[in-house]
PDB file of all heavy atoms in Angstrom:
ATOM      1  N   GLU A   1       0.846  -1.187   0.000  1.00  0.00           N
ATOM      2  CA  GLU A   1       0.000   0.000   0.000  1.00  0.00           C
ATOM      3  C   GLU A   1       0.888   1.246   0.000  1.00  0.00           C
ATOM      4  O   GLU A   1       2.025   1.216   0.455  1.00  0.00           O
ATOM      5  CB  GLU A   1      -0.935  -0.009   1.205  1.00  0.00           C
ATOM      6  CG  GLU A   1      -1.931  -1.153   1.183  1.00  0.00           C
ATOM      7  CD  GLU A   1      -2.882  -1.120  -0.004  1.00  0.00           C
ATOM      8  OE1 GLU A   1      -3.076  -0.037  -0.607  1.00  0.00           O
ATOM      9  OE2 GLU A   1      -3.421  -2.185  -0.355  1.00  0.00           O
ATOM     10  N   ASP A   2       0.354   2.342  -0.540  1.00  0.00           N
ATOM     11  CA  ASP A   2       1.154   3.552  -0.713  1.00  0.00           C
ATOM     12  C   ASP A   2       1.780   4.047   0.582  1.00  0.00           C
ATOM     13  O   ASP A   2       2.881   4.599   0.584  1.00  0.00           O
ATOM     14  CB  ASP A   2       0.287   4.664  -1.320  1.00  0.00           C
ATOM     15  CG  ASP A   2      -0.045   4.419  -2.784  1.00  0.00           C
ATOM     16  OD1 ASP A   2       0.605   3.544  -3.403  1.00  0.00           O
ATOM     17  OD2 ASP A   2      -0.955   5.089  -3.299  1.00  0.00           O
ATOM     18  N   SER A   3       1.103   3.846   1.696  1.00  0.00           N
ATOM     19  CA  SER A   3       1.579   4.372   2.979  1.00  0.00           C
ATOM     20  C   SER A   3       2.887   3.727   3.432  1.00  0.00           C
ATOM     21  O   SER A   3       3.587   4.297   4.284  1.00  0.00           O
ATOM     22  CB  SER A   3       0.504   4.182   4.050  1.00  0.00           C
ATOM     23  OG  SER A   3       0.171   2.809   4.177  1.00  0.00           O
ATOM     24  N   VAL A   4       3.221   2.546   2.901  1.00  0.00           N
ATOM     25  CA  VAL A   4       4.426   1.849   3.353  1.00  0.00           C
ATOM     26  C   VAL A   4       5.408   1.595   2.218  1.00  0.00           C
ATOM     27  O   VAL A   4       6.510   1.083   2.454  1.00  0.00           O
ATOM     28  CB  VAL A   4       4.090   0.515   4.043  1.00  0.00           C
ATOM     29  CG1 VAL A   4       3.114   0.743   5.183  1.00  0.00           C
ATOM     30  CG2 VAL A   4       3.558  -0.510   3.055  1.00  0.00           C
ATOM     31  N   LYS A   5       5.037   1.961   1.001  1.00  0.00           N
ATOM     32  CA  LYS A   5       5.873   1.661  -0.151  1.00  0.00           C
ATOM     33  C   LYS A   5       7.238   2.317   0.005  1.00  0.00           C
ATOM     34  O   LYS A   5       7.357   3.490   0.361  1.00  0.00           O
ATOM     35  CB  LYS A   5       5.180   2.163  -1.417  1.00  0.00           C
ATOM     36  CG  LYS A   5       5.599   1.488  -2.693  1.00  0.00           C
ATOM     37  CD  LYS A   5       4.692   1.881  -3.843  1.00  0.00           C
ATOM     38  CE  LYS A   5       3.321   1.275  -3.723  1.00  0.00           C
ATOM     39  NZ  LYS A   5       2.466   1.584  -4.885  1.00  0.00           N
ATOM     40  N   GLY A   6       8.296   1.552  -0.237  1.00  0.00           N
ATOM     41  CA  GLY A   6       9.653   2.057  -0.115  1.00  0.00           C
ATOM     42  C   GLY A   6      10.220   1.937   1.285  1.00  0.00           C
ATOM     43  O   GLY A   6      11.424   2.140   1.492  1.00  0.00           O
ATOM     44  N   ARG A   7       9.383   1.607   2.261  1.00  0.00           N
ATOM     45  CA  ARG A   7       9.857   1.467   3.651  1.00  0.00           C
ATOM     46  C   ARG A   7       9.725   0.033   4.159  1.00  0.00           C
ATOM     47  O   ARG A   7      10.528  -0.404   4.976  1.00  0.00           O
ATOM     48  CB  ARG A   7       9.055   2.396   4.569  1.00  0.00           C
ATOM     49  CG  ARG A   7       9.163   3.861   4.215  1.00  0.00           C
ATOM     50  CD  ARG A   7       8.501   4.736   5.284  1.00  0.00           C
ATOM     51  NE  ARG A   7       7.062   4.501   5.384  1.00  0.00           N
ATOM     52  CZ  ARG A   7       6.445   4.141   6.521  1.00  0.00           C
ATOM     53  NH1 ARG A   7       7.157   3.963   7.631  1.00  0.00           N
ATOM     54  NH2 ARG A   7       5.137   3.964   6.540  1.00  0.00           N
ATOM     55  N   PHE A   8       8.715  -0.681   3.711  1.00  0.00           N
ATOM     56  CA  PHE A   8       8.462  -2.046   4.179  1.00  0.00           C
ATOM     57  C   PHE A   8       8.813  -3.040   3.066  1.00  0.00           C
ATOM     58  O   PHE A   8       8.673  -2.737   1.875  1.00  0.00           O
ATOM     59  CB  PHE A   8       6.989  -2.226   4.545  1.00  0.00           C
ATOM     60  CG  PHE A   8       6.543  -1.507   5.788  1.00  0.00           C
ATOM     61  CD1 PHE A   8       7.317  -0.542   6.401  1.00  0.00           C
ATOM     62  CD2 PHE A   8       5.320  -1.818   6.365  1.00  0.00           C
ATOM     63  CE1 PHE A   8       6.898   0.120   7.545  1.00  0.00           C
ATOM     64  CE2 PHE A   8       4.869  -1.176   7.504  1.00  0.00           C
ATOM     65  CZ  PHE A   8       5.664  -0.191   8.097  1.00  0.00           C
ATOM     66  N   GLU A   9       9.222  -4.218   3.478  1.00  0.00           N
ATOM     67  CA  GLU A   9       9.509  -5.279   2.519  1.00  0.00           C
ATOM     68  C   GLU A   9       9.028  -6.609   3.068  1.00  0.00           C
ATOM     69  O   GLU A   9       9.353  -6.977   4.195  1.00  0.00           O
ATOM     70  CB  GLU A   9      11.000  -5.356   2.202  1.00  0.00           C
ATOM     71  CG  GLU A   9      11.332  -6.423   1.157  1.00  0.00           C
ATOM     72  CD  GLU A   9      12.799  -6.425   0.772  1.00  0.00           C
ATOM     73  OE1 GLU A   9      13.581  -5.673   1.380  1.00  0.00           O
ATOM     74  OE2 GLU A   9      13.163  -7.185  -0.144  1.00  0.00           O
ATOM     75  N   ILE A  10       8.271  -7.340   2.256  1.00  0.00           N
ATOM     76  CA  ILE A  10       7.765  -8.652   2.647  1.00  0.00           C
ATOM     77  C   ILE A  10       8.638  -9.720   1.996  1.00  0.00           C
ATOM     78  O   ILE A  10       9.070  -9.569   0.850  1.00  0.00           O
ATOM     79  CB  ILE A  10       6.277  -8.801   2.227  1.00  0.00           C
ATOM     80  CG1 ILE A  10       5.645 -10.030   2.854  1.00  0.00           C
ATOM     81  CG2 ILE A  10       6.134  -8.821   0.708  1.00  0.00           C
ATOM     82  CD1 ILE A  10       4.125 -10.096   2.636  1.00  0.00           C
ATOM     83  N   SER A  11       8.942 -10.770   2.745  1.00  0.00           N
ATOM     84  CA  SER A  11       9.777 -11.835   2.188  1.00  0.00           C
ATOM     85  C   SER A  11       9.435 -13.154   2.867  1.00  0.00           C
ATOM     86  O   SER A  11       9.113 -13.194   4.051  1.00  0.00           O
ATOM     87  CB  SER A  11      11.260 -11.517   2.361  1.00  0.00           C
ATOM     88  OG  SER A  11      11.598 -11.403   3.728  1.00  0.00           O
ATOM     89  N   GLY A  12       9.525 -14.234   2.093  1.00  0.00           N
ATOM     90  CA  GLY A  12       9.200 -15.551   2.605  1.00  0.00           C
ATOM     91  C   GLY A  12      10.412 -16.441   2.725  1.00  0.00           C
ATOM     92  O   GLY A  12      11.401 -16.270   2.004  1.00  0.00           O
ATOM     93  N   ASP A  13      10.356 -17.364   3.657  1.00  0.00           N
ATOM     94  CA  ASP A  13      11.414 -18.356   3.853  1.00  0.00           C
ATOM     95  C   ASP A  13      10.755 -19.727   3.776  1.00  0.00           C
ATOM     96  O   ASP A  13      10.053 -20.129   4.704  1.00  0.00           O
ATOM     97  CB  ASP A  13      12.086 -18.137   5.210  1.00  0.00           C
ATOM     98  CG  ASP A  13      13.295 -19.027   5.412  1.00  0.00           C
ATOM     99  OD1 ASP A  13      13.265 -20.202   4.961  1.00  0.00           O
ATOM    100  OD2 ASP A  13      14.276 -18.578   6.043  1.00  0.00           O
ATOM    101  N   SER A  14      10.975 -20.440   2.681  1.00  0.00           N
ATOM    102  CA  SER A  14      10.300 -21.719   2.497  1.00  0.00           C
ATOM    103  C   SER A  14      10.801 -22.777   3.462  1.00  0.00           C
ATOM    104  O   SER A  14      10.050 -23.648   3.890  1.00  0.00           O
ATOM    105  CB  SER A  14      10.463 -22.199   1.053  1.00  0.00           C
ATOM    106  OG  SER A  14      11.831 -22.295   0.718  1.00  0.00           O
ATOM    107  N   ALA A  15      12.060 -22.708   3.844  1.00  0.00           N
ATOM    108  CA  ALA A  15      12.606 -23.696   4.773  1.00  0.00           C
ATOM    109  C   ALA A  15      11.962 -23.560   6.154  1.00  0.00           C
ATOM    110  O   ALA A  15      11.714 -24.553   6.837  1.00  0.00           O
ATOM    111  CB  ALA A  15      14.117 -23.550   4.874  1.00  0.00           C
ATOM    112  N   LYS A  16      11.705 -22.346   6.563  1.00  0.00           N
ATOM    113  CA  LYS A  16      11.111 -22.108   7.879  1.00  0.00           C
ATOM    114  C   LYS A  16       9.584 -22.011   7.806  1.00  0.00           C
ATOM    115  O   LYS A  16       8.929 -21.992   8.840  1.00  0.00           O
ATOM    116  CB  LYS A  16      11.655 -20.805   8.475  1.00  0.00           C
ATOM    117  CG  LYS A  16      13.147 -20.825   8.760  1.00  0.00           C
ATOM    118  CD  LYS A  16      13.590 -19.489   9.335  1.00  0.00           C
ATOM    119  CE  LYS A  16      15.080 -19.461   9.608  1.00  0.00           C
ATOM    120  NZ  LYS A  16      15.521 -18.139  10.137  1.00  0.00           N
ATOM    121  N   ASN A  17       9.045 -21.899   6.587  1.00  0.00           N
ATOM    122  CA  ASN A  17       7.608 -21.699   6.395  1.00  0.00           C
ATOM    123  C   ASN A  17       7.142 -20.436   7.118  1.00  0.00           C
ATOM    124  O   ASN A  17       6.161 -20.450   7.887  1.00  0.00           O
ATOM    125  CB  ASN A  17       6.803 -22.923   6.852  1.00  0.00           C
ATOM    126  CG  ASN A  17       5.404 -22.965   6.261  1.00  0.00           C
ATOM    127  OD1 ASN A  17       5.136 -22.397   5.195  1.00  0.00           O
ATOM    128  ND2 ASN A  17       4.494 -23.624   6.959  1.00  0.00           N
ATOM    129  N   THR A  18       7.865 -19.358   6.880  1.00  0.00           N
ATOM    130  CA  THR A  18       7.537 -18.082   7.512  1.00  0.00           C
ATOM    131  C   THR A  18       7.438 -16.986   6.452  1.00  0.00           C
ATOM    132  O   THR A  18       7.999 -17.110   5.359  1.00  0.00           O
ATOM    133  CB  THR A  18       8.610 -17.666   8.531  1.00  0.00           C
ATOM    134  OG1 THR A  18       9.891 -17.610   7.878  1.00  0.00           O
ATOM    135  CG2 THR A  18       8.682 -18.633   9.703  1.00  0.00           C
ATOM    136  N   MET A  19       6.749 -15.926   6.805  1.00  0.00           N
ATOM    137  CA  MET A  19       6.661 -14.735   5.963  1.00  0.00           C
ATOM    138  C   MET A  19       6.977 -13.540   6.842  1.00  0.00           C
ATOM    139  O   MET A  19       6.268 -13.285   7.816  1.00  0.00           O
ATOM    140  CB  MET A  19       5.263 -14.581   5.363  1.00  0.00           C
ATOM    141  CG  MET A  19       5.148 -13.439   4.369  1.00  0.00           C
ATOM    142  SD  MET A  19       6.091 -13.703   2.864  1.00  0.00           S
ATOM    143  CE  MET A  19       5.060 -14.923   2.037  1.00  0.00           C
ATOM    144  N   ASP A  20       8.041 -12.836   6.522  1.00  0.00           N
ATOM    145  CA  ASP A  20       8.499 -11.720   7.336  1.00  0.00           C
ATOM    146  C   ASP A  20       8.084 -10.389   6.727  1.00  0.00           C
ATOM    147  O   ASP A  20       7.880 -10.274   5.518  1.00  0.00           O
ATOM    148  CB  ASP A  20      10.019 -11.758   7.473  1.00  0.00           C
ATOM    149  CG  ASP A  20      10.507 -12.876   8.359  1.00  0.00           C
ATOM    150  OD1 ASP A  20       9.670 -13.637   8.898  1.00  0.00           O
ATOM    151  OD2 ASP A  20      11.736 -13.004   8.521  1.00  0.00           O
ATOM    152  N   LEU A  21       8.001  -9.393   7.584  1.00  0.00           N
ATOM    153  CA  LEU A  21       7.763  -8.017   7.148  1.00  0.00           C
ATOM    154  C   LEU A  21       8.844  -7.152   7.763  1.00  0.00           C
ATOM    155  O   LEU A  21       8.828  -6.920   8.984  1.00  0.00           O
ATOM    156  CB  LEU A  21       6.371  -7.534   7.578  1.00  0.00           C
ATOM    157  CG  LEU A  21       5.989  -6.140   7.073  1.00  0.00           C
ATOM    158  CD1 LEU A  21       5.784  -6.158   5.559  1.00  0.00           C
ATOM    159  CD2 LEU A  21       4.735  -5.638   7.787  1.00  0.00           C
ATOM    160  N   GLN A  22       9.771  -6.701   6.949  1.00  0.00           N
ATOM    161  CA  GLN A  22      10.829  -5.794   7.403  1.00  0.00           C
ATOM    162  C   GLN A  22      10.295  -4.374   7.307  1.00  0.00           C
ATOM    163  O   GLN A  22       9.873  -3.939   6.226  1.00  0.00           O
ATOM    164  CB  GLN A  22      12.082  -5.956   6.540  1.00  0.00           C
ATOM    165  CG  GLN A  22      13.195  -4.995   6.890  1.00  0.00           C
ATOM    166  CD  GLN A  22      13.781  -5.261   8.261  1.00  0.00           C
ATOM    167  OE1 GLN A  22      13.981  -6.399   8.656  1.00  0.00           O
ATOM    168  NE2 GLN A  22      14.064  -4.186   9.004  1.00  0.00           N
ATOM    169  N   MET A  23      10.311  -3.671   8.422  1.00  0.00           N
ATOM    170  CA  MET A  23       9.762  -2.319   8.471  1.00  0.00           C
ATOM    171  C   MET A  23      10.866  -1.352   8.824  1.00  0.00           C
ATOM    172  O   MET A  23      11.448  -1.424   9.908  1.00  0.00           O
ATOM    173  CB  MET A  23       8.637  -2.250   9.514  1.00  0.00           C
ATOM    174  CG  MET A  23       7.557  -3.312   9.308  1.00  0.00           C
ATOM    175  SD  MET A  23       6.146  -3.096  10.399  1.00  0.00           S
ATOM    176  CE  MET A  23       6.909  -3.381  11.991  1.00  0.00           C
ATOM    177  N   ASN A  24      11.172  -0.459   7.914  1.00  0.00           N
ATOM    178  CA  ASN A  24      12.200   0.560   8.107  1.00  0.00           C
ATOM    179  C   ASN A  24      11.576   1.942   8.081  1.00  0.00           C
ATOM    180  O   ASN A  24      10.466   2.127   7.586  1.00  0.00           O
ATOM    181  CB  ASN A  24      13.250   0.445   7.003  1.00  0.00           C
ATOM    182  CG  ASN A  24      13.926  -0.915   6.956  1.00  0.00           C
ATOM    183  OD1 ASN A  24      14.231  -1.523   7.988  1.00  0.00           O
ATOM    184  ND2 ASN A  24      14.173  -1.412   5.759  1.00  0.00           N
ATOM    185  N   GLY A  25      12.303   2.913   8.600  1.00  0.00           N
ATOM    186  CA  GLY A  25      11.797   4.286   8.584  1.00  0.00           C
ATOM    187  C   GLY A  25      10.443   4.409   9.247  1.00  0.00           C
ATOM    188  O   GLY A  25       9.555   5.120   8.753  1.00  0.00           O
TER     189      GLY A  25
END
């Protein structure tokens, strides 16, 4: 969404079966 674009990043880890959200700024 526009409010987080450029600051947040979503990424998955198939080995751990997790989905992370890195939040910066």
